[in-house]
Every structure is written in C-alpha cells, then in structure tokens.
Amino acid sequence: SSKRDRQRSLHGSSFPSERSSLQCGSGVEVFTADALHSEVHARFKCVVRNVCHWSEWLNIGLARGTMRKSFSEQPHEAKQMNIQCKIGSCESPLTIGVKLSSRAPNAGQGMSLTLYAEIWLRNLTSLPLAFGAPSLQVGSDGDIESLLPGKVSADSALIELSSVLEGNSFGLFSNTDDDDDDLGDDILNLPLQQCEEVFEEVFEYVSIDENGSEQRKWWASENHVRVRQEPNDNVLWMVDCAGEPFLHNGWESCANIAGSKAFNFNGRRLFNKNHRFRRRRLFRKISMEEPVLDGSISDSVIFHQPADLDRSTRSRREAERNAIGVHLDEKKEGSNILDVFNPIDAAGVLDIMSSIANDGSILIHVKHKDGKFSSPAIIPPSGSSNGVIRACSSRWPNVTKAIKEQKRKDVDVTTWNSDGCDPENLGIAPLEPTVFELVYQVTALSGLWGELSRMVTITPRFLIKNESSWLDIDVKQVGAPDTSKVQIKYGEMLPFYWFDLTLPELVCARPAQSRNRFKWSGGFDMCTLGMVPLRG
C-alpha cells in the first residue's frame, strides 16, 4: 500500500522480510499501516517441525493497552493472554503466552508485546521420553463438538446412585483397593516433543443392554467422561489386545463404569460377557520430523504454556492457597490438632482440599515410548521445586504383574485366540516390567528469561559411579536375570533403572573380570546414605 511504501522510505528497507521467522530470544519492531487506528489485529505463524501453522487472531488495543481474542469479544483489561495454534492432525494445540506492556520512556511510543511459555522442558536422560499434561492444561476441549459428555456424566451419576442403593461400596469411607492404577487418566501429549516418535491413544466405549445389544457408543480418554474425537484419518490405528489372557479384539469389560475399582475399569484388562460396559484402546505411532538445528535455545528444550490459566490468575490462586494455610494456622491457636468436626473453629477436610486442589500448579507427566504416563511433576505457580517421578515401561502395570505371577506358577499365558479377529490392525501395548525412576527440578531462569519462564529438567534418579582405578563392576537388580546387568567400567558413571517392578528395589554387584569366581553380593538400598560394605 501507499502507507507501507512511505514507511519503507522513512525507515528504510533493512528490516526483516515478511517471510523471515523470529528466532527464540530475538525481537523486531512492527509498524502499523495507519497510526490513527486504535486497534491492531495480529496473528502469528508458528514453525513446528518445519511446517508453518497460523495462530488465532489477537486484537491489541494500542490506546488502552488491552487484548482480546475475537472481533466480537468485549474488550477487557487483559495484560496477559493465551493464544492457540492448531498443528495439523496433532490432538493437542500449541498454546502461546502473550504479555502486553508499555514501552520504556526512552524507547518511543507504542506497546511491547512478548511471546513466551511459562515452562521450558529439558530431558537430560538418554531415554526417549514423551511429555504430557492434563487435557485441561493442554486446552483441547474446545475442539470437541459433541453432546456426549453431558449424557455420559448423567449416566455415570445414575449408575453410581443405583450402585449405592444396591449396596456397592465406592470407597467413600474405606478403600480396600491395593493397586496403583487410578480410575482413568486424562493426559494428552504435548504438541512439542524431543523424542523421535510419540504414541497417541483413544478409547472406544460401548454400553450393552439386557439383550446384549449395543445401547450407546462413544469415544473418550482413559477417563470415560473426557470425550475424544473418533479416529477418522488415514494413519493406521492399532487395537490394543494386551491383557491376561490376551483380549479378543481388544475388548475389556466392567460391571459399573463409575465407583469402586472392584467394579469399574481398573487396569487389570479382563473381559466378562455379562458386564454392561466394555471398552478397547486404539493407539498409533506418530513419527516426529527431525528439526533443522541452528544452535538456538529451541534445539535443546521444548516449551509448554498451560492453557487453563494465565500467569496472573495462577499467581492469584497461589495467594489464595497460602491465605487458606494462614487462616488455618490462626484457628489452631497453638493446638497441634485441627478440629475438623467443629464448623465454627475450622473448615471441613473436604472443603479445605477442594479449596487448594486447583491452586494454579502446573502438572507435567512423562512416559517411555507407549508406556503408562508417570505420576505428575508438580510445578508450583512460582518459585523452585523438585521431586521424584516413576514411569513404567508397561502400558498396563497390573497386567504385567499378573503375567509375572502366572509365569511363577508355570501357567501358559501366551495363548491368544484370534478367531474372528482382524489381524491387520491388532497390536499389543508394551508390557515390559522396567521402571524408570526420574528426578525433576524446577529452577528460575536468569536474566530476562526468568521474568516469565522457568526450566524443568528431567534427570535419572540413580547414578552409579565406579571409582575403582582398575576394576570393572557389574550391577543389577536383586532377583533379575544376569542378562539385565549393567557393566560400569572403572572411572565411569551410568544411570540405573529398575529392571522388574515386581522385584525388590535392591541392587547387587560383583567384579566383572572374574564372573566364575565371584557371586553376586547381597542387596543394598540405594536410598540409604553412607558407606555400605559388599561381599561377593
């Protein structure tokens, strides 16, 4: 346009071209075509795996310093917002944080707009780990146009009520379940990953009436109320037939879809034709295109911006959580026991837990290939933290435990009745018993990065170092076969992971040069600090 031409003549043509990309940590000045306009409509082209994708529109009010997403949305005093970018067929949209602030007095008129991500993720292990987060924080629910969630939730409520009337326990007052699996996770892969391939999954649910006919069918996550889109693309989806024994066409069943683990889907992967509810897992492998490395920060880390809350709201939630703690301390009045049964002096336990449950913390999960997602790394709204997470190589740890138990009893568990099955799209999720214990550390970044972002680093929990000057050492988990041993040469340091989740978490060692002379030492706990004598 003529106004653009005048800008070029005044400011020169040395600024980047319209097709140039803004690298991580870089900045650029953007001039409006008409200085009389009070709003600027902007969107951003995100380059992910060498493919460009447009974000949603963002309306910036220059005079008021406000932002809004749509043209019809009423303007509000938002200084920080999230915008999303749909990346091809990926189930998780890419979320970008946007901060608007006034420019410094000596920088001239205008506004400063900063694109950021609250969390930087870095995997310092040698494992192909995939990162995930709860769907609420990934922000994919807006892409699902379905009325099923309300129907399913209503059915679940009726089922729970009828089960209570029938005398079934739901663990409200006691919990006798001894397995570690919860009633269903709702975790999605992050759109950006460091590993070369990721696995996506979706569950097909059906309810059967008294005559054995299909009453209702829907697609959801492992949590049956979190609805997903039905797979309809050309990428091959496999039906997971893993179970003990292997499941016919991948179907498992349960008596009740909600309530106690004894009655619903609990990770044991069993089938009973008399059960009312059935489900099966479909999964697929997606190869991540290898990016072109240019030596920037984005080559060694990936970014995650939670979509549920902006940074200011997250800080306010944290302040409210801290206020609850101060309020409870005031009510104790020196007593070490909180009287939860006195409504005047203290709040109830359920009220306290519901008040601090959504305190603005960010949850990050990891998994090894197609294994089960780990327990969450809990990232507080501000500050630093650290902790330990466990990621199972098996997608179904309870099935792995059952198979190991049957093998100890010399029961054949390899029988797979494939009559009537479609052999082209049947698969088995990994059932290896390996467990990866990892440590996460949340640290504040230095310099300008630390204003809006923090780094989450994943490292192995256990590192074994051989400080001998000449002797190589073999180490393994107690009870594991010799083929699982790890040889550590003198002067080396290697990570150590548990080979079998059903065995004691103890380590034994022996000299590597003389396998026929030395036996394995007794087991020792790596969590015990200090010197431990070994004898082989």
Protein backbone atom coordinates (compact mmCIF):
# COMPACT_ATOMS: atom_id res chain seq x y z
CA SER A 1 0.00 0.00 0.00
CA SER A 2 0.99 3.65 -0.26
CA LYS A 3 1.31 3.95 3.52
CA ARG A 4 3.61 0.92 3.59
CA ASP A 5 5.72 2.48 0.83
CA ARG A 6 6.04 5.69 2.83
CA GLN A 7 7.16 3.68 5.85
CA ARG A 8 9.82 1.98 3.76
CA SER A 9 11.11 5.33 2.54
CA LEU A 10 11.22 6.78 6.06
CA HIS A 11 12.62 3.79 7.96
CA GLY A 12 14.49 2.05 5.17
CA SER A 13 14.13 -1.48 3.88
CA SER A 14 16.63 -3.16 6.17
CA PHE A 15 14.02 -4.64 8.48
CA PRO A 16 13.29 -8.39 8.10
CA SER A 17 11.15 -9.57 5.25
CA GLU A 18 7.60 -10.74 5.83
CA ARG A 19 8.65 -14.36 5.46
CA SER A 20 11.52 -14.27 7.94
CA SER A 21 10.98 -16.08 11.24
CA LEU A 22 11.61 -14.56 14.65
CA GLN A 23 14.10 -16.77 16.45
CA CYS A 24 13.92 -17.60 20.14
CA GLY A 25 15.13 -14.61 22.18
CA SER A 26 15.02 -12.17 19.24
CA GLY A 27 12.92 -9.05 18.80
CA VAL A 28 11.60 -6.97 15.95
CA GLU A 29 9.75 -3.68 15.53
CA VAL A 30 6.39 -3.74 13.75
CA PHE A 31 4.78 -0.55 12.45
CA THR A 32 1.06 -0.16 11.86
CA ALA A 33 -0.10 0.88 8.42
CA ASP A 34 -2.19 3.69 9.93
CA ALA A 35 -1.19 5.38 13.19
CA LEU A 36 -4.79 6.61 13.66
CA HIS A 37 -6.06 3.08 14.24
CA SER A 38 -6.64 2.30 17.91
CA GLU A 39 -6.51 -1.48 17.41
CA VAL A 40 -4.13 -3.85 15.71
CA HIS A 41 -5.25 -7.31 14.58
CA ALA A 42 -2.36 -9.74 14.69
CA ARG A 43 -1.75 -13.44 14.40
CA PHE A 44 1.43 -15.47 14.41
CA LYS A 45 2.79 -18.15 12.14
CA CYS A 46 4.36 -20.90 14.23
CA VAL A 47 7.02 -23.08 12.61
CA VAL A 48 6.70 -26.58 14.12
CA ARG A 49 8.67 -29.47 12.64
CA ASN A 50 9.47 -27.36 9.57
CA VAL A 51 5.76 -26.74 8.87
CA CYS A 52 4.08 -23.35 9.32
CA HIS A 53 0.77 -23.03 11.17
CA TRP A 54 -1.24 -19.87 11.85
CA SER A 55 -2.42 -18.99 15.34
CA GLU A 56 -5.78 -17.49 16.18
CA TRP A 57 -6.31 -13.75 15.86
CA LEU A 58 -5.38 -11.36 18.66
CA ASN A 59 -6.82 -7.86 18.89
CA ILE A 60 -4.50 -5.36 20.58
CA GLY A 61 -5.85 -2.04 21.83
CA LEU A 62 -2.98 0.40 21.48
CA ALA A 63 -4.58 3.29 23.36
CA ARG A 64 -5.82 1.25 26.33
CA GLY A 65 -3.16 -1.43 26.32
CA THR A 66 -5.70 -4.28 26.27
CA MET A 67 -6.02 -7.55 24.38
CA ARG A 68 -8.92 -9.72 23.25
CA LYS A 69 -9.09 -12.77 21.02
CA SER A 70 -12.14 -12.33 18.77
CA PHE A 71 -13.63 -9.36 16.97
CA SER A 72 -16.96 -9.75 18.80
CA GLU A 73 -15.47 -10.18 22.26
CA GLN A 74 -15.86 -7.29 24.64
CA PRO A 75 -12.54 -5.59 25.46
CA HIS A 76 -11.20 -6.07 28.97
CA GLU A 77 -8.10 -5.02 30.82
CA ALA A 78 -6.09 -8.13 29.98
CA LYS A 79 -2.34 -7.70 30.04
CA GLN A 80 -1.56 -11.40 29.62
CA MET A 81 -3.43 -13.90 27.46
CA ASN A 82 -3.02 -17.26 25.81
CA ILE A 83 -3.49 -17.89 22.10
CA GLN A 84 -3.52 -21.28 20.41
CA CYS A 85 -2.32 -22.72 17.14
CA LYS A 86 -3.69 -25.95 15.70
CA ILE A 87 -0.84 -28.14 14.45
CA GLY A 88 -2.05 -30.38 11.64
CA SER A 89 -3.53 -33.67 12.86
CA CYS A 90 -1.99 -33.36 16.31
CA GLU A 91 -4.62 -33.81 19.02
CA SER A 92 -3.07 -31.10 21.21
CA PRO A 93 -3.00 -27.44 20.12
CA LEU A 94 0.10 -25.35 20.71
CA THR A 95 -0.54 -22.64 23.32
CA ILE A 96 1.50 -19.43 23.38
CA GLY A 97 1.54 -16.87 26.17
CA VAL A 98 1.26 -13.20 25.22
CA LYS A 99 2.19 -10.31 27.50
CA LEU A 100 1.42 -6.67 26.67
CA SER A 101 3.23 -3.81 28.37
CA SER A 102 4.09 -0.16 27.75
CA ARG A 103 7.42 0.62 26.19
CA ALA A 104 10.16 2.29 28.16
CA PRO A 105 10.06 6.12 28.07
CA ASN A 106 13.29 6.30 26.09
CA ALA A 107 12.09 3.69 23.56
CA GLY A 108 9.45 5.83 21.95
CA GLN A 109 5.71 5.44 21.70
CA GLY A 110 3.96 2.12 21.27
CA MET A 111 3.47 -1.18 23.11
CA SER A 112 5.81 -4.08 23.81
CA LEU A 113 4.37 -7.50 23.03
CA THR A 114 6.20 -10.55 24.36
CA LEU A 115 5.54 -14.13 23.29
CA TYR A 116 6.54 -16.60 25.98
CA ALA A 117 6.00 -20.01 27.56
CA GLU A 118 5.87 -20.45 31.32
CA ILE A 119 7.59 -23.84 31.26
CA TRP A 120 10.73 -24.93 29.45
CA LEU A 121 11.23 -28.71 29.44
CA ARG A 122 14.60 -30.39 29.10
CA ASN A 123 15.27 -34.14 29.06
CA LEU A 124 18.83 -34.88 30.18
CA THR A 125 18.38 -38.66 30.19
CA SER A 126 19.20 -40.95 27.29
CA LEU A 127 15.60 -42.25 27.28
CA PRO A 128 13.09 -41.38 24.53
CA LEU A 129 10.68 -39.66 26.92
CA ALA A 130 7.46 -38.05 25.75
CA PHE A 131 5.94 -35.20 27.76
CA GLY A 132 2.24 -34.90 28.52
CA ALA A 133 -0.14 -32.80 30.58
CA PRO A 134 -3.80 -32.96 31.68
CA SER A 135 -6.18 -32.09 28.87
CA LEU A 136 -7.45 -29.11 30.86
CA GLN A 137 -3.99 -27.56 30.79
CA VAL A 138 -3.37 -28.51 27.17
CA GLY A 139 -6.63 -26.85 26.14
CA SER A 140 -8.01 -29.32 23.59
CA ASP A 141 -11.60 -29.44 24.84
CA GLY A 142 -12.61 -26.54 22.64
CA ASP A 143 -12.08 -28.65 19.50
CA ILE A 144 -14.65 -31.29 20.55
CA GLU A 145 -18.18 -30.61 19.38
CA SER A 146 -20.26 -33.32 21.00
CA LEU A 147 -23.17 -33.64 23.39
CA LEU A 148 -21.88 -36.92 24.77
CA PRO A 149 -20.05 -35.56 27.82
CA GLY A 150 -23.28 -34.46 29.48
CA LYS A 151 -25.04 -37.72 28.62
CA VAL A 152 -22.17 -39.83 29.86
CA SER A 153 -21.88 -37.82 33.06
CA ALA A 154 -25.61 -38.15 33.70
CA ASP A 155 -25.46 -41.90 33.08
CA SER A 156 -22.49 -42.17 35.42
CA ALA A 157 -24.40 -40.35 38.16
CA LEU A 158 -27.39 -42.67 37.76
CA ILE A 159 -25.14 -45.71 37.81
CA GLU A 160 -23.42 -44.53 40.96
CA LEU A 161 -26.78 -43.87 42.65
CA SER A 162 -28.16 -47.27 41.69
CA SER A 163 -24.98 -48.98 42.82
CA VAL A 164 -25.15 -47.26 46.20
CA LEU A 165 -28.76 -48.39 46.59
CA GLU A 166 -27.70 -51.92 45.71
CA GLY A 167 -25.12 -51.82 48.47
CA ASN A 168 -21.96 -51.48 46.42
CA SER A 169 -19.16 -49.56 48.11
CA PHE A 170 -17.43 -46.73 46.29
CA GLY A 171 -14.60 -46.19 48.71
CA LEU A 172 -16.07 -43.06 50.27
CA PHE A 173 -15.46 -44.31 53.79
CA SER A 174 -12.89 -47.02 53.19
CA ASN A 175 -10.60 -48.13 50.42
CA THR A 176 -9.53 -51.72 50.16
CA ASP A 177 -8.05 -51.48 46.68
CA ASP A 178 -4.38 -52.27 46.63
CA ASP A 179 -3.46 -51.47 43.02
CA ASP A 180 -1.80 -48.25 41.99
CA ASP A 181 -3.89 -47.52 38.90
CA ASP A 182 -6.50 -44.80 39.25
CA LEU A 183 -9.90 -44.81 37.60
CA GLY A 184 -8.56 -43.33 34.39
CA ASP A 185 -6.10 -40.70 33.32
CA ASP A 186 -6.89 -37.80 31.03
CA ILE A 187 -3.43 -36.89 29.77
CA LEU A 188 -2.52 -35.65 26.30
CA ASN A 189 0.84 -35.49 24.58
CA LEU A 190 2.29 -32.03 24.33
CA PRO A 191 2.45 -30.70 20.75
CA LEU A 192 6.23 -30.18 21.02
CA GLN A 193 8.46 -33.17 21.82
CA GLN A 194 12.15 -34.00 21.94
CA CYS A 195 11.74 -37.70 21.11
CA GLU A 196 11.60 -39.01 17.55
CA GLU A 197 8.20 -40.70 17.89
CA VAL A 198 5.14 -40.40 20.12
CA PHE A 199 2.12 -42.61 20.68
CA GLU A 200 -1.46 -41.36 20.75
CA GLU A 201 -4.41 -43.29 22.13
CA VAL A 202 -8.19 -43.15 22.25
CA PHE A 203 -10.70 -45.48 23.93
CA GLU A 204 -13.89 -46.80 22.34
CA TYR A 205 -16.66 -47.29 24.91
CA VAL A 206 -19.95 -49.17 24.49
CA SER A 207 -22.80 -49.96 26.86
CA ILE A 208 -24.77 -53.20 26.42
CA ASP A 209 -28.44 -53.67 27.29
CA GLU A 210 -30.00 -56.76 28.85
CA ASN A 211 -30.41 -58.40 25.42
CA GLY A 212 -26.74 -58.00 24.57
CA SER A 213 -27.34 -55.25 22.01
CA GLU A 214 -25.28 -52.08 21.79
CA GLN A 215 -27.07 -49.34 23.69
CA ARG A 216 -24.61 -46.44 23.37
CA LYS A 217 -21.17 -45.87 21.93
CA TRP A 218 -18.72 -43.03 22.48
CA TRP A 219 -15.03 -42.21 22.22
CA ALA A 220 -13.12 -40.90 25.22
CA SER A 221 -9.80 -40.97 27.04
CA GLU A 222 -8.92 -43.50 29.74
CA ASN A 223 -11.27 -41.40 31.84
CA HIS A 224 -14.66 -42.24 30.33
CA VAL A 225 -16.17 -38.76 30.78
CA ARG A 226 -13.44 -36.95 28.81
CA VAL A 227 -14.77 -37.28 25.27
CA ARG A 228 -12.42 -37.57 22.29
CA GLN A 229 -12.94 -37.44 18.55
CA GLU A 230 -13.48 -40.70 16.71
CA PRO A 231 -10.36 -41.69 14.71
CA ASN A 232 -11.13 -40.90 11.09
CA ASP A 233 -7.79 -40.12 9.44
CA ASN A 234 -5.64 -42.31 7.25
CA VAL A 235 -3.00 -43.01 9.87
CA LEU A 236 -3.23 -46.65 10.91
CA TRP A 237 -4.71 -47.18 14.37
CA MET A 238 -3.95 -50.44 16.17
CA VAL A 239 -6.28 -52.21 18.61
CA ASP A 240 -4.55 -52.94 21.89
CA CYS A 241 -5.13 -56.60 22.78
CA ALA A 242 -2.82 -56.66 25.79
CA GLY A 243 -4.37 -58.47 28.74
CA GLU A 244 -4.13 -61.55 30.87
CA PRO A 245 -5.05 -63.53 28.86
CA PHE A 246 -4.88 -61.55 25.61
CA LEU A 247 -8.20 -59.86 24.88
CA HIS A 248 -10.42 -60.85 21.96
CA ASN A 249 -10.44 -57.84 19.60
CA GLY A 250 -9.13 -55.76 22.49
CA TRP A 251 -12.38 -55.57 24.50
CA GLU A 252 -12.30 -55.38 28.28
CA SER A 253 -15.38 -55.05 30.46
CA CYS A 254 -16.64 -53.87 33.83
CA ALA A 255 -19.84 -54.09 35.83
CA ASN A 256 -20.12 -50.38 36.62
CA ILE A 257 -18.43 -47.53 34.79
CA ALA A 258 -18.04 -45.45 37.95
CA GLY A 259 -17.32 -46.17 41.57
CA SER A 260 -15.02 -48.60 43.32
CA LYS A 261 -12.09 -50.08 41.45
CA ALA A 262 -13.54 -53.52 42.08
CA PHE A 263 -16.45 -52.77 39.72
CA ASN A 264 -15.08 -50.46 37.01
CA PHE A 265 -12.17 -50.38 34.56
CA ASN A 266 -9.11 -50.71 36.80
CA GLY A 267 -6.18 -51.63 34.57
CA ARG A 268 -6.47 -55.41 35.01
CA ARG A 269 -7.81 -55.77 31.44
CA LEU A 270 -10.32 -58.59 31.97
CA PHE A 271 -13.44 -59.47 29.99
CA ASN A 272 -16.79 -60.81 31.17
CA LYS A 273 -19.63 -61.10 28.67
CA ASN A 274 -22.17 -60.45 31.44
CA HIS A 275 -20.78 -57.00 32.18
CA ARG A 276 -22.73 -53.99 30.94
CA PHE A 277 -19.83 -51.75 29.90
CA ARG A 278 -16.99 -52.50 27.51
CA ARG A 279 -14.07 -50.57 26.08
CA ARG A 280 -10.99 -51.07 23.97
CA ARG A 281 -7.89 -48.99 23.39
CA LEU A 282 -6.75 -47.82 19.96
CA PHE A 283 -3.25 -46.44 19.58
CA ARG A 284 -0.98 -45.20 16.83
CA LYS A 285 2.64 -44.17 16.42
CA ILE A 286 3.48 -40.74 15.02
CA SER A 287 6.99 -40.05 13.78
CA MET A 288 8.23 -36.60 14.64
CA GLU A 289 10.14 -34.92 11.82
CA GLU A 290 13.68 -34.11 12.83
CA PRO A 291 14.05 -30.33 13.03
CA VAL A 292 16.82 -28.37 11.38
CA LEU A 293 19.30 -27.45 14.14
CA ASP A 294 20.52 -23.88 14.13
CA GLY A 295 22.16 -23.75 17.55
CA SER A 296 19.33 -21.79 19.21
CA ILE A 297 17.78 -22.48 22.59
CA SER A 298 14.82 -24.25 20.99
CA ASP A 299 17.13 -27.05 19.80
CA SER A 300 17.76 -28.35 23.34
CA VAL A 301 14.44 -27.64 25.08
CA ILE A 302 10.74 -27.69 24.33
CA PHE A 303 8.16 -25.21 25.55
CA HIS A 304 4.81 -25.61 27.29
CA GLN A 305 2.29 -22.89 28.06
CA PRO A 306 -0.65 -24.08 30.22
CA ALA A 307 -3.92 -23.18 28.54
CA ASP A 308 -6.20 -23.29 31.58
CA LEU A 309 -4.93 -20.20 33.43
CA ASP A 310 -2.80 -17.21 32.53
CA ARG A 311 0.17 -16.29 34.67
CA SER A 312 -1.58 -13.59 36.70
CA THR A 313 -4.52 -15.86 37.54
CA ARG A 314 -2.09 -18.59 38.54
CA SER A 315 -0.36 -16.22 40.95
CA ARG A 316 -3.70 -15.19 42.44
CA ARG A 317 -4.64 -18.84 43.01
CA GLU A 318 -1.35 -19.37 44.80
CA ALA A 319 -2.02 -16.39 47.06
CA GLU A 320 -5.48 -17.76 47.88
CA ARG A 321 -3.96 -21.14 48.76
CA ASN A 322 -1.42 -19.51 51.05
CA ALA A 323 -4.19 -17.47 52.66
CA ILE A 324 -6.06 -20.68 53.49
CA GLY A 325 -2.97 -22.00 55.26
CA VAL A 326 -2.57 -18.80 57.26
CA HIS A 327 -6.26 -18.86 58.17
CA LEU A 328 -6.00 -22.43 59.45
CA ASP A 329 -2.92 -21.60 61.48
CA GLU A 330 -4.83 -18.77 63.15
CA LYS A 331 -7.68 -21.12 64.05
CA LYS A 332 -5.38 -23.67 65.63
CA GLU A 333 -4.43 -21.20 68.38
CA GLY A 334 -1.42 -23.18 69.41
CA SER A 335 -3.06 -26.61 69.13
CA ASN A 336 -1.37 -29.29 67.03
CA ILE A 337 -4.71 -30.94 66.18
CA LEU A 338 -7.17 -29.40 63.73
CA ASP A 339 -10.77 -29.95 64.88
CA VAL A 340 -12.43 -30.73 61.56
CA PHE A 341 -15.76 -31.58 63.20
CA ASN A 342 -16.29 -28.08 64.67
CA PRO A 343 -17.86 -25.86 61.96
CA ILE A 344 -17.18 -22.74 64.00
CA ASP A 345 -13.48 -23.21 64.64
CA ALA A 346 -12.32 -24.94 61.46
CA ALA A 347 -13.41 -25.84 57.97
CA GLY A 348 -14.11 -29.40 56.96
CA VAL A 349 -11.39 -31.51 55.38
CA LEU A 350 -13.25 -31.78 52.06
CA ASP A 351 -13.73 -28.01 51.92
CA ILE A 352 -10.05 -27.43 52.59
CA MET A 353 -8.94 -29.93 49.96
CA SER A 354 -11.33 -28.56 47.34
CA SER A 355 -10.11 -25.04 48.06
CA ILE A 356 -6.46 -25.87 47.44
CA ALA A 357 -6.90 -28.59 44.81
CA ASN A 358 -6.74 -26.15 41.89
CA ASP A 359 -4.16 -23.78 43.33
CA GLY A 360 -2.65 -22.94 39.96
CA SER A 361 0.03 -25.64 40.00
CA ILE A 362 1.19 -26.99 36.64
CA LEU A 363 1.33 -30.76 36.12
CA ILE A 364 3.77 -32.44 33.74
CA HIS A 365 3.81 -36.19 33.03
CA VAL A 366 6.37 -38.27 31.15
CA LYS A 367 6.22 -41.69 29.57
CA HIS A 368 8.66 -44.05 27.90
CA LYS A 369 7.51 -44.79 24.34
CA ASP A 370 3.99 -46.29 24.61
CA GLY A 371 4.20 -46.94 28.33
CA LYS A 372 1.99 -45.55 31.06
CA PHE A 373 2.29 -41.88 31.92
CA SER A 374 4.18 -41.25 35.13
CA SER A 375 2.88 -39.63 38.26
CA PRO A 376 2.84 -35.84 37.76
CA ALA A 377 5.72 -33.49 38.32
CA ILE A 378 4.02 -30.79 40.37
CA ILE A 379 5.24 -27.32 39.44
CA PRO A 380 4.09 -24.60 41.85
CA PRO A 381 2.76 -21.32 40.44
CA SER A 382 6.04 -19.63 41.36
CA GLY A 383 9.45 -20.45 42.74
CA SER A 384 11.54 -23.62 42.56
CA SER A 385 10.74 -27.22 43.43
CA ASN A 386 11.96 -30.76 42.90
CA GLY A 387 10.69 -34.29 43.25
CA VAL A 388 10.76 -37.90 42.07
CA ILE A 389 8.52 -39.47 39.41
CA ARG A 390 8.20 -43.09 38.27
CA ALA A 391 7.49 -44.02 34.66
CA CYS A 392 6.61 -47.64 33.86
CA SER A 393 7.69 -49.11 30.56
CA SER A 394 4.49 -51.16 30.62
CA ARG A 395 1.26 -49.53 29.46
CA TRP A 396 -0.66 -51.79 31.84
CA PRO A 397 1.43 -52.40 35.00
CA ASN A 398 -1.29 -54.53 36.62
CA VAL A 399 -1.35 -56.82 33.58
CA THR A 400 2.43 -57.10 33.76
CA LYS A 401 2.23 -58.07 37.43
CA ALA A 402 -0.44 -60.68 36.67
CA ILE A 403 1.61 -62.21 33.85
CA LYS A 404 4.70 -62.38 36.05
CA GLU A 405 2.68 -64.08 38.76
CA GLN A 406 1.26 -66.62 36.32
CA LYS A 407 4.73 -67.37 34.99
CA ARG A 408 5.93 -68.08 38.51
CA LYS A 409 3.09 -70.63 38.75
CA ASP A 410 4.15 -72.18 35.40
CA VAL A 411 0.88 -71.18 33.73
CA ASP A 412 0.95 -70.63 29.96
CA VAL A 413 -0.09 -67.04 29.29
CA THR A 414 0.82 -66.88 25.60
CA THR A 415 -2.49 -68.24 24.31
CA TRP A 416 -4.22 -65.79 22.02
CA ASN A 417 -7.48 -66.84 20.42
CA SER A 418 -7.55 -64.80 17.21
CA ASP A 419 -10.65 -66.44 15.68
CA GLY A 420 -12.85 -63.74 14.19
CA CYS A 421 -10.22 -61.02 14.76
CA ASP A 422 -8.88 -58.64 12.18
CA PRO A 423 -5.15 -59.45 12.04
CA GLU A 424 -4.23 -56.26 10.19
CA ASN A 425 -4.88 -53.77 12.97
CA LEU A 426 -4.30 -55.81 16.12
CA GLY A 427 -1.40 -54.91 18.37
CA ILE A 428 -0.14 -55.28 21.89
CA ALA A 429 0.93 -52.42 24.10
CA PRO A 430 4.33 -52.85 25.77
CA LEU A 431 4.23 -54.96 28.91
CA GLU A 432 7.90 -54.84 29.90
CA PRO A 433 8.34 -54.64 33.69
CA THR A 434 11.04 -51.93 33.61
CA VAL A 435 10.50 -48.90 35.85
CA PHE A 436 12.33 -45.61 35.30
CA GLU A 437 12.79 -43.51 38.41
CA LEU A 438 13.48 -39.91 37.45
CA VAL A 439 14.08 -36.62 39.21
CA TYR A 440 12.58 -33.32 38.12
CA GLN A 441 13.95 -29.96 39.16
CA VAL A 442 12.18 -26.64 38.62
CA THR A 443 14.53 -23.66 38.56
CA ALA A 444 14.16 -20.00 37.76
CA LEU A 445 15.98 -18.78 34.68
CA SER A 446 18.49 -15.98 34.89
CA GLY A 447 18.25 -12.69 33.07
CA LEU A 448 15.24 -11.63 31.04
CA TRP A 449 14.10 -15.24 30.65
CA GLY A 450 13.36 -15.56 34.37
CA GLU A 451 10.68 -12.88 34.33
CA LEU A 452 8.11 -15.16 32.70
CA SER A 453 9.62 -18.63 32.36
CA ARG A 454 11.08 -21.46 34.40
CA MET A 455 13.09 -24.54 33.45
CA VAL A 456 12.01 -28.12 34.28
CA THR A 457 14.91 -30.56 33.97
CA ILE A 458 14.43 -34.35 33.95
CA THR A 459 17.40 -36.48 35.05
CA PRO A 460 17.87 -40.08 36.26
CA ARG A 461 17.33 -40.53 39.98
CA PHE A 462 20.13 -43.04 40.45
CA LEU A 463 23.64 -42.67 39.03
CA ILE A 464 26.20 -45.36 39.86
CA LYS A 465 29.85 -44.33 39.65
CA ASN A 466 32.74 -46.77 39.69
CA GLU A 467 35.61 -45.02 41.48
CA SER A 468 37.94 -48.00 41.21
CA SER A 469 41.24 -47.40 39.44
CA TRP A 470 41.31 -50.76 37.63
CA LEU A 471 38.24 -52.92 38.42
CA ASP A 472 35.09 -53.05 36.28
CA ILE A 473 31.85 -53.69 38.19
CA ASP A 474 28.61 -55.45 37.18
CA VAL A 475 25.41 -54.26 38.87
CA LYS A 476 21.81 -55.40 38.57
CA GLN A 477 18.55 -55.52 40.48
CA VAL A 478 18.30 -58.31 43.05
CA GLY A 479 16.43 -61.26 41.53
CA ALA A 480 16.78 -60.05 37.95
CA PRO A 481 18.45 -62.28 35.33
CA ASP A 482 22.14 -61.80 34.59
CA THR A 483 21.28 -60.53 31.11
CA SER A 484 19.91 -57.35 32.76
CA LYS A 485 23.23 -56.43 34.39
CA VAL A 486 24.93 -53.13 33.66
CA GLN A 487 28.72 -53.12 33.40
CA ILE A 488 30.36 -49.99 34.74
CA LYS A 489 33.98 -49.59 33.76
CA TYR A 490 36.36 -48.02 36.22
CA GLY A 491 36.04 -44.26 36.31
CA GLU A 492 32.65 -44.32 34.58
CA MET A 493 29.23 -43.25 35.83
CA LEU A 494 26.00 -44.65 34.38
CA PRO A 495 22.27 -44.27 35.21
CA PHE A 496 20.48 -47.20 36.81
CA TYR A 497 16.82 -48.16 36.37
CA TRP A 498 14.78 -50.97 37.88
CA PHE A 499 14.52 -53.97 35.58
CA ASP A 500 11.40 -55.51 37.12
CA LEU A 501 8.66 -53.71 39.03
CA THR A 502 7.68 -56.96 40.79
CA LEU A 503 11.13 -57.50 42.36
CA PRO A 504 12.56 -55.82 45.47
CA GLU A 505 14.16 -52.46 44.73
CA LEU A 506 17.61 -53.55 45.86
CA VAL A 507 20.91 -53.56 43.97
CA CYS A 508 23.65 -56.19 43.98
CA ALA A 509 27.15 -56.06 42.45
CA ARG A 510 30.16 -58.23 41.57
CA PRO A 511 33.53 -57.80 39.81
CA ALA A 512 33.13 -58.02 36.07
CA GLN A 513 36.50 -59.65 35.24
CA SER A 514 36.02 -62.89 37.17
CA ARG A 515 32.43 -63.97 36.73
CA ASN A 516 33.19 -67.60 37.58
CA ARG A 517 34.97 -66.77 40.82
CA PHE A 518 32.63 -64.21 42.36
CA LYS A 519 28.94 -64.45 43.10
CA TRP A 520 26.55 -61.59 43.36
CA SER A 521 26.71 -59.61 46.56
CA GLY A 522 23.83 -59.09 48.91
CA GLY A 523 21.30 -56.46 48.02
CA PHE A 524 21.55 -52.89 49.25
CA ASP A 525 19.17 -49.94 49.16
CA MET A 526 20.41 -47.03 47.07
CA CYS A 527 18.33 -44.62 49.13
CA THR A 528 20.47 -45.38 52.18
CA LEU A 529 23.12 -42.70 52.57
CA GLY A 530 26.62 -43.55 53.74
CA MET A 531 29.07 -46.42 53.21
CA VAL A 532 27.74 -49.95 52.64
CA PRO A 533 30.17 -52.91 52.70
CA LEU A 534 29.65 -55.53 49.96
CA ARG A 535 30.83 -59.11 49.83
CA GLY A 536 30.68 -61.28 46.73
